[in-house]
């Protein structure tokens, strides 16, 4: 079995570790009887990944979160964050 290649530790890694440690502390505080509501999580939400093509900035991938019964969007705003946000709305398709 080969070892995974080395990669630099990132801010996202710090945030993930902080979230895991906070969840562990809450779990222990509630003696293992922790509900999603106590974690401020809504079990009725779902997140999908959509992809679109902005005529100004090219292809983009973004996350969309909605209620579990909602349909994924047919279009989305380009997420480019140059000096000002792009206001272009583009057709999208769901990746995941």
PDB file of N, CA and C in Angstrom:
ATOM      1  N   UNK A   1       0.842  -1.175   0.000  1.00  0.00           N
ATOM      2  CA  UNK A   1       0.000   0.000   0.000  1.00  0.00           C
ATOM      3  C   UNK A   1       0.889   1.240   0.000  1.00  0.00           C
ATOM      4  N   UNK A   2       0.642   2.132  -0.955  1.00  0.00           N
ATOM      5  CA  UNK A   2       1.442   3.341  -1.062  1.00  0.00           C
ATOM      6  C   UNK A   2       0.874   4.443  -0.178  1.00  0.00           C
ATOM      7  N   UNK A   3       1.764   5.250   0.367  1.00  0.00           N
ATOM      8  CA  UNK A   3       1.340   6.396   1.171  1.00  0.00           C
ATOM      9  C   UNK A   3       0.781   7.472   0.246  1.00  0.00           C
ATOM     10  N   UNK A   4      -0.181   8.216   0.742  1.00  0.00           N
ATOM     11  CA  UNK A   4      -0.748   9.323  -0.038  1.00  0.00           C
ATOM     12  C   UNK A   4       0.326  10.384  -0.244  1.00  0.00           C
ATOM     13  N   UNK A   5       0.312  11.051  -1.399  1.00  0.00           N
ATOM     14  CA  UNK A   5       1.306  12.092  -1.637  1.00  0.00           C
ATOM     15  C   UNK A   5       1.125  13.240  -0.637  1.00  0.00           C
ATOM     16  N   UNK A   6       2.235  13.857  -0.256  1.00  0.00           N
ATOM     17  CA  UNK A   6       2.200  14.966   0.696  1.00  0.00           C
ATOM     18  C   UNK A   6       1.523  16.173   0.062  1.00  0.00           C
ATOM     19  N   UNK A   7       0.714  16.864   0.844  1.00  0.00           N
ATOM     20  CA  UNK A   7       0.123  18.120   0.389  1.00  0.00           C
ATOM     21  C   UNK A   7       0.169  19.115   1.532  1.00  0.00           C
ATOM     22  N   UNK A   8       0.163  20.372   1.185  1.00  0.00           N
ATOM     23  CA  UNK A   8       0.225  21.438   2.178  1.00  0.00           C
ATOM     24  C   UNK A   8      -1.083  21.527   2.957  1.00  0.00           C
ATOM     25  N   UNK A   9      -1.002  21.885   4.232  1.00  0.00           N
ATOM     26  CA  UNK A   9      -2.162  22.103   5.091  1.00  0.00           C
ATOM     27  C   UNK A   9      -2.779  23.443   4.701  1.00  0.00           C
ATOM     28  N   UNK A  10      -4.096  23.497   4.542  1.00  0.00           N
ATOM     29  CA  UNK A  10      -4.759  24.718   4.076  1.00  0.00           C
ATOM     30  C   UNK A  10      -5.713  25.271   5.124  1.00  0.00           C
ATOM     31  N   UNK A  11      -6.244  26.450   4.851  1.00  0.00           N
ATOM     32  CA  UNK A  11      -7.251  27.044   5.732  1.00  0.00           C
ATOM     33  C   UNK A  11      -8.502  26.176   5.777  1.00  0.00           C
ATOM     34  N   UNK A  12      -8.838  25.523   4.664  1.00  0.00           N
ATOM     35  CA  UNK A  12      -9.994  24.630   4.639  1.00  0.00           C
ATOM     36  C   UNK A  12      -9.773  23.447   5.571  1.00  0.00           C
ATOM     37  N   UNK A  13      -8.541  22.957   5.646  1.00  0.00           N
ATOM     38  CA  UNK A  13      -8.226  21.873   6.577  1.00  0.00           C
ATOM     39  C   UNK A  13      -8.427  22.328   8.018  1.00  0.00           C
ATOM     40  N   UNK A  14      -7.979  23.555   8.319  1.00  0.00           N
ATOM     41  CA  UNK A  14      -8.182  24.114   9.662  1.00  0.00           C
ATOM     42  C   UNK A  14      -9.661  24.206   9.996  1.00  0.00           C
ATOM     43  N   UNK A  15     -10.453  24.702   9.046  1.00  0.00           N
ATOM     44  CA  UNK A  15     -11.890  24.856   9.272  1.00  0.00           C
ATOM     45  C   UNK A  15     -12.548  23.496   9.489  1.00  0.00           C
ATOM     46  N   UNK A  16     -12.157  22.500   8.705  1.00  0.00           N
ATOM     47  CA  UNK A  16     -12.720  21.160   8.854  1.00  0.00           C
ATOM     48  C   UNK A  16     -12.362  20.568  10.210  1.00  0.00           C
ATOM     49  N   UNK A  17     -11.116  20.709  10.619  1.00  0.00           N
ATOM     50  CA  UNK A  17     -10.693  20.196  11.918  1.00  0.00           C
ATOM     51  C   UNK A  17     -11.440  20.906  13.055  1.00  0.00           C
ATOM     52  N   UNK A  18     -11.596  22.223  12.948  1.00  0.00           N
ATOM     53  CA  UNK A  18     -12.354  22.973  13.958  1.00  0.00           C
ATOM     54  C   UNK A  18     -13.788  22.461  14.048  1.00  0.00           C
ATOM     55  N   UNK A  19     -14.413  22.199  12.898  1.00  0.00           N
ATOM     56  CA  UNK A  19     -15.794  21.704  12.888  1.00  0.00           C
ATOM     57  C   UNK A  19     -15.887  20.320  13.535  1.00  0.00           C
ATOM     58  N   UNK A  20     -14.929  19.459  13.243  1.00  0.00           N
ATOM     59  CA  UNK A  20     -14.925  18.112  13.832  1.00  0.00           C
ATOM     60  C   UNK A  20     -14.763  18.192  15.345  1.00  0.00           C
ATOM     61  N   UNK A  21     -13.839  19.033  15.805  1.00  0.00           N
ATOM     62  CA  UNK A  21     -13.615  19.166  17.245  1.00  0.00           C
ATOM     63  C   UNK A  21     -14.823  19.782  17.948  1.00  0.00           C
ATOM     64  N   UNK A  22     -15.483  20.749  17.303  1.00  0.00           N
ATOM     65  CA  UNK A  22     -16.688  21.351  17.886  1.00  0.00           C
ATOM     66  C   UNK A  22     -17.807  20.321  17.973  1.00  0.00           C
ATOM     67  N   UNK A  23     -17.959  19.493  16.942  1.00  0.00           N
ATOM     68  CA  UNK A  23     -18.986  18.449  16.961  1.00  0.00           C
ATOM     69  C   UNK A  23     -18.688  17.425  18.055  1.00  0.00           C
ATOM     70  N   UNK A  24     -17.422  17.048  18.201  1.00  0.00           N
ATOM     71  CA  UNK A  24     -17.046  16.107  19.252  1.00  0.00           C
ATOM     72  C   UNK A  24     -17.380  16.676  20.634  1.00  0.00           C
ATOM     73  N   UNK A  25     -17.088  17.956  20.855  1.00  0.00           N
ATOM     74  CA  UNK A  25     -17.376  18.592  22.147  1.00  0.00           C
ATOM     75  C   UNK A  25     -18.876  18.601  22.420  1.00  0.00           C
ATOM     76  N   UNK A  26     -19.681  18.914  21.401  1.00  0.00           N
ATOM     77  CA  UNK A  26     -21.147  18.905  21.592  1.00  0.00           C
ATOM     78  C   UNK A  26     -21.647  17.498  21.860  1.00  0.00           C
ATOM     79  N   UNK A  27     -21.073  16.511  21.160  1.00  0.00           N
ATOM     80  CA  UNK A  27     -21.460  15.113  21.336  1.00  0.00           C
ATOM     81  C   UNK A  27     -21.213  14.688  22.785  1.00  0.00           C
ATOM     82  N   UNK A  28     -20.034  15.023  23.286  1.00  0.00           N
ATOM     83  CA  UNK A  28     -19.691  14.659  24.664  1.00  0.00           C
ATOM     84  C   UNK A  28     -20.554  15.424  25.667  1.00  0.00           C
ATOM     85  N   UNK A  29     -20.844  16.684  25.369  1.00  0.00           N
ATOM     86  CA  UNK A  29     -21.687  17.508  26.241  1.00  0.00           C
ATOM     87  C   UNK A  29     -23.092  16.913  26.381  1.00  0.00           C
ATOM     88  N   UNK A  30     -23.603  16.325  25.306  1.00  0.00           N
ATOM     89  CA  UNK A  30     -24.942  15.733  25.316  1.00  0.00           C
ATOM     90  C   UNK A  30     -24.905  14.220  25.544  1.00  0.00           C
ATOM     91  N   UNK A  31     -23.747  13.728  25.936  1.00  0.00           N
ATOM     92  CA  UNK A  31     -23.552  12.299  26.240  1.00  0.00           C
ATOM     93  C   UNK A  31     -24.025  11.381  25.104  1.00  0.00           C
ATOM     94  N   UNK A  32     -23.730  11.761  23.901  1.00  0.00           N
ATOM     95  CA  UNK A  32     -24.017  10.924  22.744  1.00  0.00           C
ATOM     96  C   UNK A  32     -25.456  10.970  22.284  1.00  0.00           C
ATOM     97  N   UNK A  33     -26.272  11.829  22.837  1.00  0.00           N
ATOM     98  CA  UNK A  33     -27.684  11.932  22.441  1.00  0.00           C
ATOM     99  C   UNK A  33     -27.923  13.263  21.747  1.00  0.00           C
ATOM    100  N   UNK A  34     -27.178  13.512  20.724  1.00  0.00           N
ATOM    101  CA  UNK A  34     -27.214  14.785  20.016  1.00  0.00           C
ATOM    102  C   UNK A  34     -28.111  14.655  18.790  1.00  0.00           C
ATOM    103  N   UNK A  35     -29.012  15.609  18.601  1.00  0.00           N
ATOM    104  CA  UNK A  35     -29.892  15.595  17.431  1.00  0.00           C
ATOM    105  C   UNK A  35     -29.403  16.600  16.399  1.00  0.00           C
ATOM    106  N   UNK A  36     -29.895  16.456  15.176  1.00  0.00           N
ATOM    107  CA  UNK A  36     -29.543  17.407  14.126  1.00  0.00           C
ATOM    108  C   UNK A  36     -30.017  18.805  14.493  1.00  0.00           C
ATOM    109  N   UNK A  37     -31.176  18.905  15.122  1.00  0.00           N
ATOM    110  CA  UNK A  37     -31.705  20.211  15.523  1.00  0.00           C
ATOM    111  C   UNK A  37     -30.776  20.897  16.522  1.00  0.00           C
ATOM    112  N   UNK A  38     -30.205  20.122  17.461  1.00  0.00           N
ATOM    113  CA  UNK A  38     -29.269  20.697  18.432  1.00  0.00           C
ATOM    114  C   UNK A  38     -27.982  21.162  17.766  1.00  0.00           C
ATOM    115  N   UNK A  39     -27.672  20.627  16.604  1.00  0.00           N
ATOM    116  CA  UNK A  39     -26.489  21.049  15.841  1.00  0.00           C
ATOM    117  C   UNK A  39     -26.833  22.166  14.865  1.00  0.00           C
ATOM    118  N   UNK A  40     -28.075  22.628  14.892  1.00  0.00           N
ATOM    119  CA  UNK A  40     -28.567  23.662  13.975  1.00  0.00           C
ATOM    120  C   UNK A  40     -28.479  23.210  12.519  1.00  0.00           C
ATOM    121  N   UNK A  41     -28.741  21.919  12.294  1.00  0.00           N
ATOM    122  CA  UNK A  41     -28.746  21.356  10.941  1.00  0.00           C
ATOM    123  C   UNK A  41     -30.176  21.020  10.539  1.00  0.00           C
ATOM    124  N   UNK A  42     -30.511  21.312   9.300  1.00  0.00           N
ATOM    125  CA  UNK A  42     -31.844  21.010   8.785  1.00  0.00           C
ATOM    126  C   UNK A  42     -31.750  19.763   7.921  1.00  0.00           C
ATOM    127  N   UNK A  43     -32.358  18.648   8.347  1.00  0.00           N
ATOM    128  CA  UNK A  43     -32.256  17.416   7.571  1.00  0.00           C
ATOM    129  C   UNK A  43     -33.048  17.466   6.264  1.00  0.00           C
ATOM    130  N   UNK A  44     -33.801  18.528   6.072  1.00  0.00           N
ATOM    131  CA  UNK A  44     -34.619  18.637   4.869  1.00  0.00           C
ATOM    132  C   UNK A  44     -33.944  19.449   3.776  1.00  0.00           C
ATOM    133  N   UNK A  45     -32.671  19.809   3.972  1.00  0.00           N
ATOM    134  CA  UNK A  45     -31.920  20.547   2.958  1.00  0.00           C
ATOM    135  C   UNK A  45     -31.068  19.584   2.142  1.00  0.00           C
ATOM    136  N   UNK A  46     -30.861  19.944   0.905  1.00  0.00           N
ATOM    137  CA  UNK A  46     -29.995  19.155   0.040  1.00  0.00           C
ATOM    138  C   UNK A  46     -29.107  20.107  -0.752  1.00  0.00           C
ATOM    139  N   UNK A  47     -27.922  19.667  -1.089  1.00  0.00           N
ATOM    140  CA  UNK A  47     -26.994  20.484  -1.870  1.00  0.00           C
ATOM    141  C   UNK A  47     -26.598  19.718  -3.124  1.00  0.00           C
ATOM    142  N   UNK A  48     -26.644  20.401  -4.254  1.00  0.00           N
ATOM    143  CA  UNK A  48     -26.202  19.807  -5.514  1.00  0.00           C
ATOM    144  C   UNK A  48     -25.140  20.715  -6.124  1.00  0.00           C
ATOM    145  N   UNK A  49     -24.344  20.148  -6.989  1.00  0.00           N
ATOM    146  CA  UNK A  49     -23.310  20.903  -7.700  1.00  0.00           C
ATOM    147  C   UNK A  49     -23.817  21.133  -9.121  1.00  0.00           C
ATOM    148  N   UNK A  50     -23.796  22.397  -9.539  1.00  0.00           N
ATOM    149  CA  UNK A  50     -24.254  22.746 -10.881  1.00  0.00           C
ATOM    150  C   UNK A  50     -23.090  23.340 -11.671  1.00  0.00           C
ATOM    151  N   UNK A  51     -23.181  23.217 -12.980  1.00  0.00           N
ATOM    152  CA  UNK A  51     -22.156  23.777 -13.860  1.00  0.00           C
ATOM    153  C   UNK A  51     -22.840  24.629 -14.917  1.00  0.00           C
ATOM    154  N   UNK A  52     -22.237  25.755 -15.233  1.00  0.00           N
ATOM    155  CA  UNK A  52     -22.783  26.643 -16.248  1.00  0.00           C
ATOM    156  C   UNK A  52     -21.670  27.269 -17.059  1.00  0.00           C
ATOM    157  N   UNK A  53     -22.054  28.052 -18.052  1.00  0.00           N
ATOM    158  CA  UNK A  53     -21.083  28.698 -18.925  1.00  0.00           C
ATOM    159  C   UNK A  53     -21.437  30.173 -19.042  1.00  0.00           C
ATOM    160  N   UNK A  54     -20.625  31.016 -18.400  1.00  0.00           N
ATOM    161  CA  UNK A  54     -20.813  32.468 -18.458  1.00  0.00           C
ATOM    162  C   UNK A  54     -20.161  32.971 -19.746  1.00  0.00           C
ATOM    163  N   UNK A  55     -20.870  33.827 -20.483  1.00  0.00           N
ATOM    164  CA  UNK A  55     -20.319  34.339 -21.744  1.00  0.00           C
ATOM    165  C   UNK A  55     -19.114  35.252 -21.511  1.00  0.00           C
ATOM    166  N   UNK A  56     -18.982  35.800 -20.298  1.00  0.00           N
ATOM    167  CA  UNK A  56     -17.863  36.693 -19.996  1.00  0.00           C
ATOM    168  C   UNK A  56     -16.704  35.986 -19.299  1.00  0.00           C
ATOM    169  N   UNK A  57     -16.997  35.001 -18.429  1.00  0.00           N
ATOM    170  CA  UNK A  57     -15.946  34.390 -17.611  1.00  0.00           C
ATOM    171  C   UNK A  57     -15.698  32.910 -17.880  1.00  0.00           C
ATOM    172  N   UNK A  58     -16.472  32.315 -18.746  1.00  0.00           N
ATOM    173  CA  UNK A  58     -16.273  30.909 -19.074  1.00  0.00           C
ATOM    174  C   UNK A  58     -17.024  29.970 -18.143  1.00  0.00           C
ATOM    175  N   UNK A  59     -16.600  28.719 -18.169  1.00  0.00           N
ATOM    176  CA  UNK A  59     -17.293  27.683 -17.397  1.00  0.00           C
ATOM    177  C   UNK A  59     -17.096  27.886 -15.900  1.00  0.00           C
ATOM    178  N   UNK A  60     -18.145  27.583 -15.126  1.00  0.00           N
ATOM    179  CA  UNK A  60     -18.050  27.649 -13.670  1.00  0.00           C
ATOM    180  C   UNK A  60     -18.790  26.473 -13.062  1.00  0.00           C
ATOM    181  N   UNK A  61     -18.409  26.162 -11.852  1.00  0.00           N
ATOM    182  CA  UNK A  61     -19.066  25.129 -11.055  1.00  0.00           C
ATOM    183  C   UNK A  61     -19.437  25.782  -9.733  1.00  0.00           C
ATOM    184  N   UNK A  62     -20.661  25.547  -9.267  1.00  0.00           N
ATOM    185  CA  UNK A  62     -21.121  26.169  -8.028  1.00  0.00           C
ATOM    186  C   UNK A  62     -22.032  25.196  -7.289  1.00  0.00           C
ATOM    187  N   UNK A  63     -22.191  25.436  -5.986  1.00  0.00           N
ATOM    188  CA  UNK A  63     -23.118  24.638  -5.184  1.00  0.00           C
ATOM    189  C   UNK A  63     -24.443  25.363  -5.071  1.00  0.00           C
ATOM    190  N   UNK A  64     -25.527  24.602  -5.060  1.00  0.00           N
ATOM    191  CA  UNK A  64     -26.856  25.145  -4.830  1.00  0.00           C
ATOM    192  C   UNK A  64     -27.469  24.343  -3.690  1.00  0.00           C
ATOM    193  N   UNK A  65     -28.027  25.030  -2.698  1.00  0.00           N
ATOM    194  CA  UNK A  65     -28.663  24.371  -1.566  1.00  0.00           C
ATOM    195  C   UNK A  65     -30.123  24.778  -1.520  1.00  0.00           C
ATOM    196  N   UNK A  66     -30.987  23.787  -1.342  1.00  0.00           N
ATOM    197  CA  UNK A  66     -32.423  24.047  -1.267  1.00  0.00           C
ATOM    198  C   UNK A  66     -33.104  22.970  -0.453  1.00  0.00           C
ATOM    199  N   UNK A  67     -34.412  23.075  -0.322  1.00  0.00           N
ATOM    200  CA  UNK A  67     -35.186  22.074   0.394  1.00  0.00           C
ATOM    201  C   UNK A  67     -35.142  20.762  -0.383  1.00  0.00           C
ATOM    202  N   UNK A  68     -35.249  19.653   0.321  1.00  0.00           N
ATOM    203  CA  UNK A  68     -35.112  18.332  -0.292  1.00  0.00           C
ATOM    204  C   UNK A  68     -36.087  18.109  -1.456  1.00  0.00           C
ATOM    205  N   UNK A  69     -37.280  18.667  -1.398  1.00  0.00           N
ATOM    206  CA  UNK A  69     -38.260  18.464  -2.458  1.00  0.00           C
ATOM    207  C   UNK A  69     -38.155  19.442  -3.612  1.00  0.00           C
ATOM    208  N   UNK A  70     -37.327  20.482  -3.476  1.00  0.00           N
ATOM    209  CA  UNK A  70     -37.190  21.493  -4.524  1.00  0.00           C
ATOM    210  C   UNK A  70     -36.430  20.948  -5.721  1.00  0.00           C
ATOM    211  N   UNK A  71     -36.765  21.452  -6.880  1.00  0.00           N
ATOM    212  CA  UNK A  71     -35.999  21.108  -8.080  1.00  0.00           C
ATOM    213  C   UNK A  71     -34.738  21.973  -8.122  1.00  0.00           C
ATOM    214  N   UNK A  72     -33.695  21.418  -8.662  1.00  0.00           N
ATOM    215  CA  UNK A  72     -32.453  22.194  -8.839  1.00  0.00           C
ATOM    216  C   UNK A  72     -32.727  23.328  -9.816  1.00  0.00           C
ATOM    217  N   UNK A  73     -31.977  24.424  -9.724  1.00  0.00           N
ATOM    218  CA  UNK A  73     -32.243  25.569 -10.598  1.00  0.00           C
ATOM    219  C   UNK A  73     -31.905  25.270 -12.052  1.00  0.00           C
ATOM    220  N   UNK A  74     -32.565  25.990 -12.943  1.00  0.00           N
ATOM    221  CA  UNK A  74     -32.274  25.887 -14.369  1.00  0.00           C
ATOM    222  C   UNK A  74     -31.215  26.897 -14.788  1.00  0.00           C
ATOM    223  N   UNK A  75     -31.024  27.925 -13.935  1.00  0.00           N
ATOM    224  CA  UNK A  75     -29.980  28.905 -14.213  1.00  0.00           C
ATOM    225  C   UNK A  75     -29.388  29.388 -12.897  1.00  0.00           C
ATOM    226  N   UNK A  76     -28.209  29.996 -12.982  1.00  0.00           N
ATOM    227  CA  UNK A  76     -27.522  30.496 -11.792  1.00  0.00           C
ATOM    228  C   UNK A  76     -26.693  31.703 -12.180  1.00  0.00           C
ATOM    229  N   UNK A  77     -26.400  32.549 -11.187  1.00  0.00           N
ATOM    230  CA  UNK A  77     -25.551  33.713 -11.445  1.00  0.00           C
ATOM    231  C   UNK A  77     -24.100  33.268 -11.469  1.00  0.00           C
ATOM    232  N   UNK A  78     -23.346  33.797 -12.391  1.00  0.00           N
ATOM    233  CA  UNK A  78     -21.916  33.508 -12.477  1.00  0.00           C
ATOM    234  C   UNK A  78     -21.249  33.904 -11.160  1.00  0.00           C
ATOM    235  N   UNK A  79     -20.458  33.022 -10.548  1.00  0.00           N
ATOM    236  CA  UNK A  79     -19.848  33.324  -9.257  1.00  0.00           C
ATOM    237  C   UNK A  79     -18.543  34.114  -9.340  1.00  0.00           C
ATOM    238  N   UNK A  80     -18.173  34.598 -10.527  1.00  0.00           N
ATOM    239  CA  UNK A  80     -16.913  35.338 -10.651  1.00  0.00           C
ATOM    240  C   UNK A  80     -16.912  36.521  -9.701  1.00  0.00           C
ATOM    241  N   UNK A  81     -15.829  36.668  -8.965  1.00  0.00           N
ATOM    242  CA  UNK A  81     -15.718  37.748  -7.977  1.00  0.00           C
ATOM    243  C   UNK A  81     -14.513  38.617  -8.297  1.00  0.00           C
ATOM    244  N   UNK A  82     -14.536  39.208  -9.454  1.00  0.00           N
ATOM    245  CA  UNK A  82     -13.464  40.120  -9.828  1.00  0.00           C
ATOM    246  C   UNK A  82     -13.707  41.419  -9.073  1.00  0.00           C
ATOM    247  N   UNK A  83     -13.347  42.577  -9.558  1.00  0.00           N
ATOM    248  CA  UNK A  83     -13.601  43.791  -8.775  1.00  0.00           C
ATOM    249  C   UNK A  83     -15.052  43.893  -8.317  1.00  0.00           C
ATOM    250  N   UNK A  84     -15.993  43.476  -9.166  1.00  0.00           N
ATOM    251  CA  UNK A  84     -17.406  43.453  -8.778  1.00  0.00           C
ATOM    252  C   UNK A  84     -17.967  42.104  -9.206  1.00  0.00           C
ATOM    253  N   UNK A  85     -18.990  41.632  -8.501  1.00  0.00           N
ATOM    254  CA  UNK A  85     -19.598  40.348  -8.871  1.00  0.00           C
ATOM    255  C   UNK A  85     -20.204  40.409 -10.260  1.00  0.00           C
ATOM    256  N   UNK A  86     -20.085  39.326 -10.975  1.00  0.00           N
ATOM    257  CA  UNK A  86     -20.709  39.213 -12.289  1.00  0.00           C
ATOM    258  C   UNK A  86     -22.212  39.047 -12.079  1.00  0.00           C
ATOM    259  N   UNK A  87     -23.010  39.702 -12.901  1.00  0.00           N
ATOM    260  CA  UNK A  87     -24.461  39.604 -12.757  1.00  0.00           C
ATOM    261  C   UNK A  87     -25.083  38.720 -13.834  1.00  0.00           C
ATOM    262  N   UNK A  88     -24.258  38.122 -14.643  1.00  0.00           N
ATOM    263  CA  UNK A  88     -24.732  37.264 -15.731  1.00  0.00           C
ATOM    264  C   UNK A  88     -25.417  36.023 -15.176  1.00  0.00           C
ATOM    265  N   UNK A  89     -26.634  35.757 -15.654  1.00  0.00           N
ATOM    266  CA  UNK A  89     -27.338  34.525 -15.276  1.00  0.00           C
ATOM    267  C   UNK A  89     -27.167  33.549 -16.434  1.00  0.00           C
ATOM    268  N   UNK A  90     -26.798  32.304 -16.104  1.00  0.00           N
ATOM    269  CA  UNK A  90     -26.453  31.327 -17.133  1.00  0.00           C
ATOM    270  C   UNK A  90     -27.235  30.041 -16.910  1.00  0.00           C
ATOM    271  N   UNK A  91     -27.612  29.364 -17.987  1.00  0.00           N
ATOM    272  CA  UNK A  91     -28.238  28.047 -17.842  1.00  0.00           C
ATOM    273  C   UNK A  91     -27.236  27.098 -17.180  1.00  0.00           C
ATOM    274  N   UNK A  92     -27.720  26.202 -16.333  1.00  0.00           N
ATOM    275  CA  UNK A  92     -26.849  25.255 -15.646  1.00  0.00           C
ATOM    276  C   UNK A  92     -27.410  23.845 -15.749  1.00  0.00           C
ATOM    277  N   UNK A  93     -26.540  22.882 -15.523  1.00  0.00           N
ATOM    278  CA  UNK A  93     -26.992  21.502 -15.385  1.00  0.00           C
ATOM    279  C   UNK A  93     -26.377  20.937 -14.112  1.00  0.00           C
ATOM    280  N   UNK A  94     -27.045  19.955 -13.551  1.00  0.00           N
ATOM    281  CA  UNK A  94     -26.633  19.370 -12.278  1.00  0.00           C
ATOM    282  C   UNK A  94     -25.537  18.351 -12.499  1.00  0.00           C
ATOM    283  N   UNK A  95     -24.423  18.472 -11.762  1.00  0.00           N
ATOM    284  CA  UNK A  95     -23.329  17.507 -11.830  1.00  0.00           C
ATOM    285  C   UNK A  95     -23.511  16.418 -10.777  1.00  0.00           C
ATOM    286  N   UNK A  96     -23.807  16.812  -9.552  1.00  0.00           N
ATOM    287  CA  UNK A  96     -23.957  15.854  -8.443  1.00  0.00           C
ATOM    288  C   UNK A  96     -25.112  16.280  -7.591  1.00  0.00           C
TER     289      UNK A  96
END
